[in-house]
Protein backbone atom coordinates (compact mmCIF):
# COMPACT_ATOMS: atom_id res chain seq x y z
CA UNK A 1 117.42 100.56 90.96
CA UNK A 2 114.66 98.43 89.60
CA UNK A 3 110.94 98.96 90.48
CA UNK A 4 110.20 97.90 93.96
CA UNK A 5 107.30 95.72 94.95
CA UNK A 6 105.29 97.65 97.55
CA UNK A 7 102.65 96.68 99.99
CA UNK A 8 100.54 99.12 101.84
CA UNK A 9 100.07 98.86 105.65
CA UNK A 10 97.64 100.93 107.79
CA UNK A 11 98.26 100.75 111.51
CA UNK A 12 95.04 100.85 113.53
CA UNK A 13 96.02 98.99 116.68
CA UNK A 14 96.37 101.91 119.03
CA UNK A 15 94.20 102.59 122.08
CA UNK A 16 93.10 106.09 120.84
CA UNK A 17 93.51 107.22 124.50
CA UNK A 18 94.11 110.87 123.55
CA UNK A 19 91.04 110.89 121.28
CA UNK A 20 88.81 109.25 123.76
CA UNK A 21 87.12 107.01 121.01
CA UNK A 22 88.51 104.88 118.19
CA UNK A 23 90.03 107.47 115.92
CA UNK A 24 89.95 105.16 112.95
CA UNK A 25 86.15 105.38 113.05
CA UNK A 26 85.91 109.17 113.08
CA UNK A 27 83.80 110.54 110.29
CA UNK A 28 85.61 111.78 107.20
CA UNK A 29 84.25 112.63 103.77
CA UNK A 30 81.07 110.78 104.22
CA UNK A 31 82.82 107.65 105.53
CA UNK A 32 85.43 106.88 108.18
CA UNK A 33 89.04 108.00 108.61
CA UNK A 34 90.39 104.58 108.16
CA UNK A 35 88.15 104.07 105.13
CA UNK A 36 89.77 107.17 103.58
CA UNK A 37 93.29 106.02 104.22
CA UNK A 38 92.72 102.40 102.98
CA UNK A 39 90.86 103.58 99.77
CA UNK A 40 93.59 105.95 98.88
CA UNK A 41 96.20 103.19 99.16
CA UNK A 42 94.16 100.74 97.14
CA UNK A 43 93.51 103.48 94.56
CA UNK A 44 97.25 103.23 93.80
CA UNK A 45 96.88 99.50 93.05
CA UNK A 46 98.74 98.47 96.23
CA UNK A 47 97.53 95.63 98.40
CA UNK A 48 96.66 96.90 101.85
CA UNK A 49 97.08 95.20 105.13
CA UNK A 50 95.32 96.68 108.15
CA UNK A 51 96.88 95.81 111.53
CA UNK A 52 94.09 96.02 114.08
CA UNK A 53 93.48 94.32 117.42
CA UNK A 54 89.85 95.16 117.20
CA UNK A 55 88.90 93.85 113.66
CA UNK A 56 85.28 93.46 114.59
CA UNK A 57 84.76 97.21 114.69
CA UNK A 58 86.25 97.86 111.26
CA UNK A 59 83.52 98.96 108.80
CA UNK A 60 82.60 96.43 106.27
CA UNK A 61 83.05 98.89 103.44
CA UNK A 62 86.68 98.95 104.38
CA UNK A 63 87.39 95.23 105.00
CA UNK A 64 85.41 94.30 101.91
CA UNK A 65 87.59 96.27 99.49
CA UNK A 66 89.49 94.30 96.98
CA UNK A 67 93.15 93.74 98.02
CA UNK A 68 92.46 94.51 101.68
CA UNK A 69 93.36 92.11 104.52
CA UNK A 70 93.31 92.42 108.22
CA UNK A 71 95.53 91.00 110.95
CA UNK A 72 96.08 91.47 114.55
CA UNK A 73 99.47 91.92 116.13
CA UNK A 74 101.51 88.66 115.80
CA UNK A 75 103.69 89.75 118.74
CA UNK A 76 102.96 91.47 122.04
CA UNK A 77 101.47 94.84 121.33
CA UNK A 78 103.98 97.61 121.72
CA UNK A 79 102.69 100.50 119.68
CA UNK A 80 103.76 101.09 116.10
CA UNK A 81 106.76 98.88 116.32
CA UNK A 82 104.71 95.69 116.93
CA UNK A 83 102.52 96.77 113.95
CA UNK A 84 105.52 97.09 111.67
CA UNK A 85 107.07 93.79 112.78
CA UNK A 86 103.65 92.13 112.20
CA UNK A 87 103.39 93.63 108.70
CA UNK A 88 106.83 92.45 107.67
CA UNK A 89 105.94 88.91 108.87
CA UNK A 90 102.66 88.91 106.94
CA UNK A 91 103.62 90.68 103.69
CA UNK A 92 106.30 89.65 101.26
CA UNK A 93 106.89 92.77 99.23
CA UNK A 94 110.41 94.40 99.04
CA UNK A 95 109.13 97.51 100.77
CA UNK A 96 106.22 98.44 102.91
CA UNK A 97 104.23 101.77 102.87
CA UNK A 98 103.34 102.34 106.48
CA UNK A 99 100.63 104.76 107.34
CA UNK A 100 98.80 105.51 110.63
CA UNK A 101 95.04 105.38 110.40
CA UNK A 102 94.62 108.94 111.45
CA UNK A 103 95.93 110.86 108.39
CA UNK A 104 92.96 112.75 106.98
CA UNK A 105 94.94 114.48 104.15
CA UNK A 106 97.04 111.44 103.03
CA UNK A 107 95.43 111.04 99.65
CA UNK A 108 96.62 109.12 96.62
CA UNK A 109 98.34 112.14 95.10
CA UNK A 110 100.47 112.78 98.31
CA UNK A 111 101.17 109.01 98.74
CA UNK A 112 102.09 108.73 95.08
CA UNK A 113 104.60 111.64 95.36
CA UNK A 114 106.33 109.85 98.24
CA UNK A 115 106.57 106.58 96.36
CA UNK A 116 107.84 108.36 93.17
CA UNK A 117 110.51 110.09 95.29
CA UNK A 118 111.53 106.66 96.63
CA UNK A 119 111.97 105.32 93.07
CA UNK A 120 114.21 108.24 92.22
CA UNK A 121 116.34 107.88 95.33
CA UNK A 122 119.25 105.50 95.91
CA UNK A 123 120.84 104.21 99.11
CA UNK A 124 117.90 104.40 101.58
CA UNK A 125 116.29 102.26 104.19
CA UNK A 126 113.41 104.55 104.84
CA UNK A 127 111.75 107.24 102.71
CA UNK A 128 109.70 109.33 105.13
CA UNK A 129 107.56 112.40 104.84
CA UNK A 130 108.89 115.65 106.18
CA UNK A 131 106.30 118.40 106.48
CA UNK A 132 106.00 121.44 108.75
CA UNK A 133 109.55 120.86 109.90
CA UNK A 134 108.79 117.40 111.27
CA UNK A 135 109.68 113.87 110.25
CA UNK A 136 106.72 111.48 110.01
CA UNK A 137 107.63 107.83 110.53
CA UNK A 138 104.12 106.78 110.08
CA UNK A 139 103.86 108.22 106.57
CA UNK A 140 106.88 106.37 105.24
CA UNK A 141 108.19 103.64 103.08
CA UNK A 142 110.31 100.93 104.76
CA UNK A 143 112.62 98.57 102.87
CA UNK A 144 112.54 94.91 103.90
CA UNK A 145 116.23 95.13 104.86
CA UNK A 146 115.06 97.02 108.00
CA UNK A 147 112.92 94.04 109.30
CA UNK A 148 115.76 92.65 111.46
CA UNK A 149 116.23 96.02 113.22
CA UNK A 150 112.50 96.21 114.09
CA UNK A 151 112.58 92.67 115.26
CA UNK A 152 115.64 93.29 117.49
CA UNK A 153 114.11 96.48 119.00
CA UNK A 154 110.95 94.66 119.90
CA UNK A 155 112.86 91.83 121.54
CA UNK A 156 114.95 94.30 123.56
CA UNK A 157 111.97 96.29 124.61
CA UNK A 158 112.87 99.43 122.75
CA UNK A 159 109.52 100.63 121.50
CA UNK A 160 110.38 104.18 120.31
CA UNK A 161 110.30 104.47 116.53
CA UNK A 162 112.89 107.23 116.43
CA UNK A 163 115.39 105.15 118.32
CA UNK A 164 115.36 102.66 115.44
CA UNK A 165 115.24 105.30 112.74
CA UNK A 166 118.44 106.82 114.13
CA UNK A 167 120.25 103.62 112.82
CA UNK A 168 118.73 103.71 109.44
CA UNK A 169 119.48 105.61 106.20
CA UNK A 170 116.47 108.06 105.99
CA UNK A 171 115.58 109.75 102.73
CA UNK A 172 113.27 112.63 103.64
CA UNK A 173 110.86 114.11 101.12
CA UNK A 174 112.20 117.47 99.97
CA UNK A 175 110.59 120.76 100.78
CA UNK A 176 107.59 121.46 98.65
CA UNK A 177 107.11 117.90 97.39
CA UNK A 178 104.10 117.24 99.77
CA UNK A 179 101.11 119.28 100.86
CA UNK A 180 101.87 120.74 104.35
CA UNK A 181 98.82 118.84 105.65
CA UNK A 182 99.76 115.57 104.01
CA UNK A 183 101.04 113.86 107.19
CA UNK A 184 98.78 115.75 109.65
CA UNK A 185 97.68 113.45 112.46
CA UNK A 186 94.23 113.71 114.08
CA UNK A 187 95.20 112.33 117.49
CA UNK A 188 93.02 114.53 119.78
CA UNK A 189 89.56 115.95 119.55
CA UNK A 190 91.08 119.37 118.93
CA UNK A 191 93.25 118.11 116.10
CA UNK A 192 90.18 116.38 114.62
CA UNK A 193 88.19 119.66 114.74
CA UNK A 194 91.10 121.47 113.10
CA UNK A 195 91.17 118.84 110.31
CA UNK A 196 87.44 119.24 109.72
CA UNK A 197 87.84 122.98 109.48
CA UNK A 198 90.61 122.70 107.00
CA UNK A 199 88.60 120.19 104.88
CA UNK A 200 85.52 122.50 104.96
CA UNK A 201 87.70 125.42 103.76
CA UNK A 202 89.11 123.29 100.98
CA UNK A 203 85.70 122.23 99.89
CA UNK A 204 84.63 125.91 99.97
CA UNK A 205 87.33 126.64 97.41
CA UNK A 206 90.08 127.98 99.46
CA UNK A 207 93.56 126.85 98.47
CA UNK A 208 95.23 124.46 100.90
CA UNK A 209 97.42 126.12 103.48
């Protein structure tokens, strides 16, 4: 398999109802959570598309980064599926790295490991992170051949990611490839506090758990 062309996508179109405030704007490492995710994507020399229905609240230090563009949903908003459909319509790469905006430990090393695994793997539609016994569809690489299935699901009103994934060839990251925290989501205030505690421990010199 030749080297794929890859575009980065950060989904920030959610309502953050469980967090109670826009989770993409939560403080992280001196900036914002979305600033962290976007900067780690661009550090790998990937273009990065942010899908957000509230672009005015995105920090300028994020939208001003080289290679970063922003779009709202081009289809009726329906959670991550509408974001994925939008990204495939906007970008032209052979595969899209799709990340949610609430991944505090998704750094360039972890993302790079997932992409390298994809290049070594044949016969896949999706390469997705598996950590802590769970599959993470919003830390994953989607081949363009999957676009019709996302479009079809949206038209049919089937908005569950896993329902589409069940029809695709999924290559999961093998055990030990990624940090156990790589795909950790900060969806709630408690999860955010837990992420802050873990980051503080790492900065204090404790090895990652």
